[in-house]
Amino acid sequence: MVLIKSLMFILSLIIIFIGFYLRKHQKQDFMLFKPNQTKGLPEILNTLGIVLMITGVIVLILGIMGNTYILLAAMVFGILITTSCLLFLIKFL
């Protein structure tokens, strides 16, 4: 059970880091995205960054609770939200 909790902690840190990264790069070019040239992209990066950071905190809190079903729900929730946010960014390539 300790291994599962530590992996949930790592998952939540990754989600929080991705959210922080998106918020930090809303005014500068990164990867293939050009927020300065694409209308609306900085606002979307800001919103997605906030959503991912909140999701990471929720996953962290639910991961600490320790119930197997709550851990599973938190993991699926975190993975679905993160994947959907990042797939939404494909629209701006």
N, C-alpha and C. Protein backbone atom coordinates (compact mmCIF):
# COMPACT_ATOMS: atom_id res chain seq x y z
N MET A 1 0.83 -1.20 0.00
CA MET A 1 0.00 0.00 0.00
C MET A 1 0.87 1.26 0.00
N VAL A 2 2.03 1.17 0.63
CA VAL A 2 2.92 2.33 0.66
C VAL A 2 3.43 2.64 -0.74
N LEU A 3 3.69 1.61 -1.53
CA LEU A 3 4.15 1.81 -2.90
C LEU A 3 3.08 2.51 -3.74
N ILE A 4 1.85 2.12 -3.58
CA ILE A 4 0.75 2.73 -4.33
C ILE A 4 0.60 4.20 -3.94
N LYS A 5 0.70 4.50 -2.65
CA LYS A 5 0.59 5.89 -2.21
C LYS A 5 1.75 6.73 -2.74
N SER A 6 2.94 6.15 -2.77
CA SER A 6 4.08 6.91 -3.28
C SER A 6 3.95 7.13 -4.79
N LEU A 7 3.43 6.16 -5.52
CA LEU A 7 3.20 6.35 -6.95
C LEU A 7 2.11 7.38 -7.22
N MET A 8 1.08 7.42 -6.38
CA MET A 8 0.05 8.45 -6.51
C MET A 8 0.63 9.84 -6.23
N PHE A 9 1.55 9.90 -5.27
CA PHE A 9 2.22 11.15 -4.97
C PHE A 9 3.03 11.62 -6.18
N ILE A 10 3.74 10.70 -6.83
CA ILE A 10 4.52 11.05 -8.02
C ILE A 10 3.59 11.48 -9.15
N LEU A 11 2.47 10.79 -9.33
CA LEU A 11 1.49 11.17 -10.36
C LEU A 11 0.97 12.58 -10.11
N SER A 12 0.65 12.89 -8.86
CA SER A 12 0.12 14.23 -8.56
C SER A 12 1.19 15.29 -8.80
N LEU A 13 2.45 14.99 -8.48
CA LEU A 13 3.52 15.95 -8.75
C LEU A 13 3.71 16.20 -10.24
N ILE A 14 3.58 15.14 -11.04
CA ILE A 14 3.70 15.29 -12.50
C ILE A 14 2.57 16.16 -13.04
N ILE A 15 1.35 15.94 -12.56
CA ILE A 15 0.20 16.73 -13.02
C ILE A 15 0.36 18.19 -12.61
N ILE A 16 0.80 18.42 -11.38
CA ILE A 16 1.01 19.80 -10.91
C ILE A 16 2.12 20.47 -11.73
N PHE A 17 3.19 19.73 -12.04
CA PHE A 17 4.28 20.29 -12.83
C PHE A 17 3.82 20.65 -14.24
N ILE A 18 3.02 19.80 -14.87
CA ILE A 18 2.52 20.12 -16.21
C ILE A 18 1.65 21.38 -16.16
N GLY A 19 0.80 21.49 -15.15
CA GLY A 19 -0.02 22.69 -15.01
C GLY A 19 0.81 23.93 -14.79
N PHE A 20 1.84 23.83 -13.96
CA PHE A 20 2.73 24.97 -13.72
C PHE A 20 3.47 25.35 -14.99
N TYR A 21 3.91 24.35 -15.74
CA TYR A 21 4.63 24.58 -16.99
C TYR A 21 3.76 25.30 -18.01
N LEU A 22 2.50 24.89 -18.13
CA LEU A 22 1.60 25.55 -19.07
C LEU A 22 1.33 26.99 -18.66
N ARG A 23 1.15 27.23 -17.36
CA ARG A 23 0.92 28.61 -16.90
C ARG A 23 2.15 29.47 -17.11
N LYS A 24 3.33 28.91 -16.91
CA LYS A 24 4.56 29.67 -17.04
C LYS A 24 4.85 30.05 -18.49
N HIS A 25 4.44 29.23 -19.43
CA HIS A 25 4.76 29.46 -20.84
C HIS A 25 3.60 30.05 -21.62
N GLN A 26 2.74 30.79 -20.98
CA GLN A 26 1.61 31.36 -21.71
C GLN A 26 1.99 32.60 -22.51
N LYS A 27 3.19 33.16 -22.28
CA LYS A 27 3.60 34.34 -23.04
C LYS A 27 4.85 34.10 -23.87
N GLN A 28 5.43 32.91 -23.80
CA GLN A 28 6.63 32.62 -24.57
C GLN A 28 6.45 31.34 -25.38
N ASP A 29 7.19 31.25 -26.48
CA ASP A 29 7.09 30.08 -27.35
C ASP A 29 7.68 28.86 -26.66
N PHE A 30 7.04 27.72 -26.84
CA PHE A 30 7.56 26.45 -26.35
C PHE A 30 7.09 25.34 -27.26
N MET A 31 7.92 24.35 -27.42
CA MET A 31 7.67 23.24 -28.34
C MET A 31 7.25 23.79 -29.69
N LEU A 32 6.08 23.41 -30.18
CA LEU A 32 5.58 23.91 -31.46
C LEU A 32 4.54 25.00 -31.29
N PHE A 33 4.25 25.37 -30.06
CA PHE A 33 3.21 26.37 -29.78
C PHE A 33 3.80 27.77 -29.78
N LYS A 34 3.05 28.70 -30.35
CA LYS A 34 3.46 30.09 -30.38
C LYS A 34 2.33 30.95 -29.81
N PRO A 35 2.31 31.12 -28.48
CA PRO A 35 1.21 31.86 -27.85
C PRO A 35 1.13 33.32 -28.31
N ASN A 36 2.25 33.91 -28.71
CA ASN A 36 2.21 35.30 -29.13
C ASN A 36 1.55 35.47 -30.50
N GLN A 37 1.56 34.43 -31.31
CA GLN A 37 0.98 34.51 -32.65
C GLN A 37 -0.41 33.90 -32.75
N THR A 38 -0.78 33.08 -31.81
CA THR A 38 -2.07 32.40 -31.84
C THR A 38 -3.04 33.09 -30.90
N LYS A 39 -4.14 33.57 -31.45
CA LYS A 39 -5.12 34.29 -30.64
C LYS A 39 -5.84 33.33 -29.69
N GLY A 40 -5.92 33.69 -28.45
CA GLY A 40 -6.63 32.90 -27.46
C GLY A 40 -5.82 31.84 -26.76
N LEU A 41 -4.65 31.51 -27.29
CA LEU A 41 -3.85 30.45 -26.69
C LEU A 41 -3.33 30.81 -25.30
N PRO A 42 -2.88 32.05 -25.03
CA PRO A 42 -2.43 32.35 -23.66
C PRO A 42 -3.51 32.17 -22.60
N GLU A 43 -4.75 32.55 -22.92
CA GLU A 43 -5.84 32.38 -21.95
C GLU A 43 -6.14 30.89 -21.73
N ILE A 44 -6.08 30.11 -22.79
CA ILE A 44 -6.34 28.68 -22.67
C ILE A 44 -5.24 28.00 -21.88
N LEU A 45 -3.98 28.40 -22.11
CA LEU A 45 -2.87 27.83 -21.35
C LEU A 45 -3.01 28.16 -19.86
N ASN A 46 -3.44 29.39 -19.58
CA ASN A 46 -3.64 29.79 -18.19
C ASN A 46 -4.74 28.94 -17.54
N THR A 47 -5.85 28.80 -18.23
CA THR A 47 -6.97 28.02 -17.69
C THR A 47 -6.61 26.55 -17.52
N LEU A 48 -5.98 25.96 -18.54
CA LEU A 48 -5.59 24.56 -18.44
C LEU A 48 -4.55 24.34 -17.35
N GLY A 49 -3.65 25.31 -17.18
CA GLY A 49 -2.66 25.20 -16.11
C GLY A 49 -3.31 25.19 -14.74
N ILE A 50 -4.28 26.06 -14.54
CA ILE A 50 -4.99 26.09 -13.26
C ILE A 50 -5.77 24.80 -13.04
N VAL A 51 -6.45 24.32 -14.09
CA VAL A 51 -7.22 23.07 -13.98
C VAL A 51 -6.30 21.91 -13.62
N LEU A 52 -5.14 21.83 -14.26
CA LEU A 52 -4.23 20.73 -13.97
C LEU A 52 -3.63 20.83 -12.57
N MET A 53 -3.33 22.03 -12.12
CA MET A 53 -2.79 22.16 -10.76
C MET A 53 -3.83 21.79 -9.71
N ILE A 54 -5.07 22.19 -9.93
CA ILE A 54 -6.14 21.80 -9.00
C ILE A 54 -6.36 20.29 -9.05
N THR A 55 -6.31 19.71 -10.25
CA THR A 55 -6.45 18.27 -10.39
C THR A 55 -5.33 17.54 -9.66
N GLY A 56 -4.11 18.05 -9.76
CA GLY A 56 -2.99 17.44 -9.07
C GLY A 56 -3.15 17.46 -7.56
N VAL A 57 -3.67 18.57 -7.03
CA VAL A 57 -3.91 18.65 -5.59
C VAL A 57 -5.02 17.68 -5.17
N ILE A 58 -6.07 17.59 -5.98
CA ILE A 58 -7.16 16.65 -5.66
C ILE A 58 -6.65 15.21 -5.68
N VAL A 59 -5.84 14.87 -6.69
CA VAL A 59 -5.27 13.52 -6.76
C VAL A 59 -4.38 13.26 -5.55
N LEU A 60 -3.62 14.25 -5.13
CA LEU A 60 -2.76 14.10 -3.96
C LEU A 60 -3.58 13.84 -2.70
N ILE A 61 -4.63 14.61 -2.51
CA ILE A 61 -5.48 14.45 -1.32
C ILE A 61 -6.18 13.10 -1.34
N LEU A 62 -6.74 12.72 -2.49
CA LEU A 62 -7.42 11.42 -2.58
C LEU A 62 -6.43 10.26 -2.46
N GLY A 63 -5.21 10.46 -2.90
CA GLY A 63 -4.21 9.41 -2.78
C GLY A 63 -3.78 9.16 -1.35
N ILE A 64 -3.85 10.19 -0.52
CA ILE A 64 -3.49 10.05 0.89
C ILE A 64 -4.55 9.28 1.66
N MET A 65 -5.80 9.34 1.21
CA MET A 65 -6.89 8.70 1.95
C MET A 65 -6.71 7.20 2.11
N GLY A 66 -6.19 6.52 1.10
CA GLY A 66 -5.81 5.13 1.27
C GLY A 66 -6.82 4.08 0.87
N ASN A 67 -8.06 4.42 0.64
CA ASN A 67 -9.04 3.43 0.20
C ASN A 67 -8.72 3.03 -1.24
N THR A 68 -8.79 1.76 -1.53
CA THR A 68 -8.41 1.25 -2.85
C THR A 68 -9.27 1.84 -3.96
N TYR A 69 -10.56 1.94 -3.74
CA TYR A 69 -11.46 2.48 -4.76
C TYR A 69 -11.24 3.98 -4.95
N ILE A 70 -10.95 4.68 -3.87
CA ILE A 70 -10.66 6.11 -3.99
C ILE A 70 -9.35 6.32 -4.73
N LEU A 71 -8.34 5.48 -4.46
CA LEU A 71 -7.08 5.57 -5.18
C LEU A 71 -7.28 5.33 -6.68
N LEU A 72 -8.06 4.34 -7.00
CA LEU A 72 -8.34 4.03 -8.40
C LEU A 72 -9.09 5.18 -9.08
N ALA A 73 -10.10 5.71 -8.40
CA ALA A 73 -10.86 6.83 -8.95
C ALA A 73 -9.97 8.06 -9.13
N ALA A 74 -9.10 8.33 -8.17
CA ALA A 74 -8.20 9.48 -8.27
C ALA A 74 -7.23 9.31 -9.43
N MET A 75 -6.71 8.10 -9.60
CA MET A 75 -5.78 7.86 -10.69
C MET A 75 -6.46 8.03 -12.05
N VAL A 76 -7.63 7.46 -12.21
CA VAL A 76 -8.37 7.58 -13.47
C VAL A 76 -8.76 9.03 -13.72
N PHE A 77 -9.21 9.73 -12.69
CA PHE A 77 -9.58 11.14 -12.80
C PHE A 77 -8.39 11.97 -13.26
N GLY A 78 -7.26 11.79 -12.62
CA GLY A 78 -6.06 12.54 -12.98
C GLY A 78 -5.59 12.27 -14.38
N ILE A 79 -5.60 11.01 -14.77
CA ILE A 79 -5.14 10.64 -16.11
C ILE A 79 -6.10 11.18 -17.18
N LEU A 80 -7.41 11.07 -16.95
CA LEU A 80 -8.38 11.57 -17.94
C LEU A 80 -8.31 13.08 -18.10
N ILE A 81 -8.24 13.80 -16.99
CA ILE A 81 -8.18 15.27 -17.07
C ILE A 81 -6.89 15.71 -17.76
N THR A 82 -5.76 15.12 -17.38
CA THR A 82 -4.49 15.50 -17.99
C THR A 82 -4.47 15.19 -19.48
N THR A 83 -4.91 14.01 -19.85
CA THR A 83 -4.93 13.63 -21.26
C THR A 83 -5.86 14.52 -22.07
N SER A 84 -7.04 14.80 -21.53
CA SER A 84 -7.98 15.65 -22.28
C SER A 84 -7.45 17.07 -22.42
N CYS A 85 -6.81 17.60 -21.42
CA CYS A 85 -6.24 18.95 -21.52
C CYS A 85 -5.13 19.00 -22.57
N LEU A 86 -4.26 18.00 -22.55
CA LEU A 86 -3.15 18.01 -23.51
C LEU A 86 -3.63 17.71 -24.93
N LEU A 87 -4.65 16.87 -25.07
CA LEU A 87 -5.20 16.63 -26.41
C LEU A 87 -5.90 17.86 -26.94
N PHE A 88 -6.46 18.67 -26.07
CA PHE A 88 -7.10 19.90 -26.50
C PHE A 88 -6.09 20.87 -27.11
N LEU A 89 -4.86 20.82 -26.65
CA LEU A 89 -3.83 21.72 -27.18
C LEU A 89 -3.41 21.36 -28.60
N ILE A 90 -3.71 20.15 -29.04
CA ILE A 90 -3.38 19.76 -30.40
C ILE A 90 -4.09 20.65 -31.41
N LYS A 91 -5.21 21.19 -31.02
CA LYS A 91 -5.98 22.08 -31.88
C LYS A 91 -5.16 23.29 -32.33
N PHE A 92 -4.17 23.68 -31.54
CA PHE A 92 -3.40 24.89 -31.82
C PHE A 92 -2.09 24.62 -32.55
N LEU A 93 -1.85 23.40 -32.97
CA LEU A 93 -0.62 23.12 -33.72
C LEU A 93 -0.73 23.57 -35.14
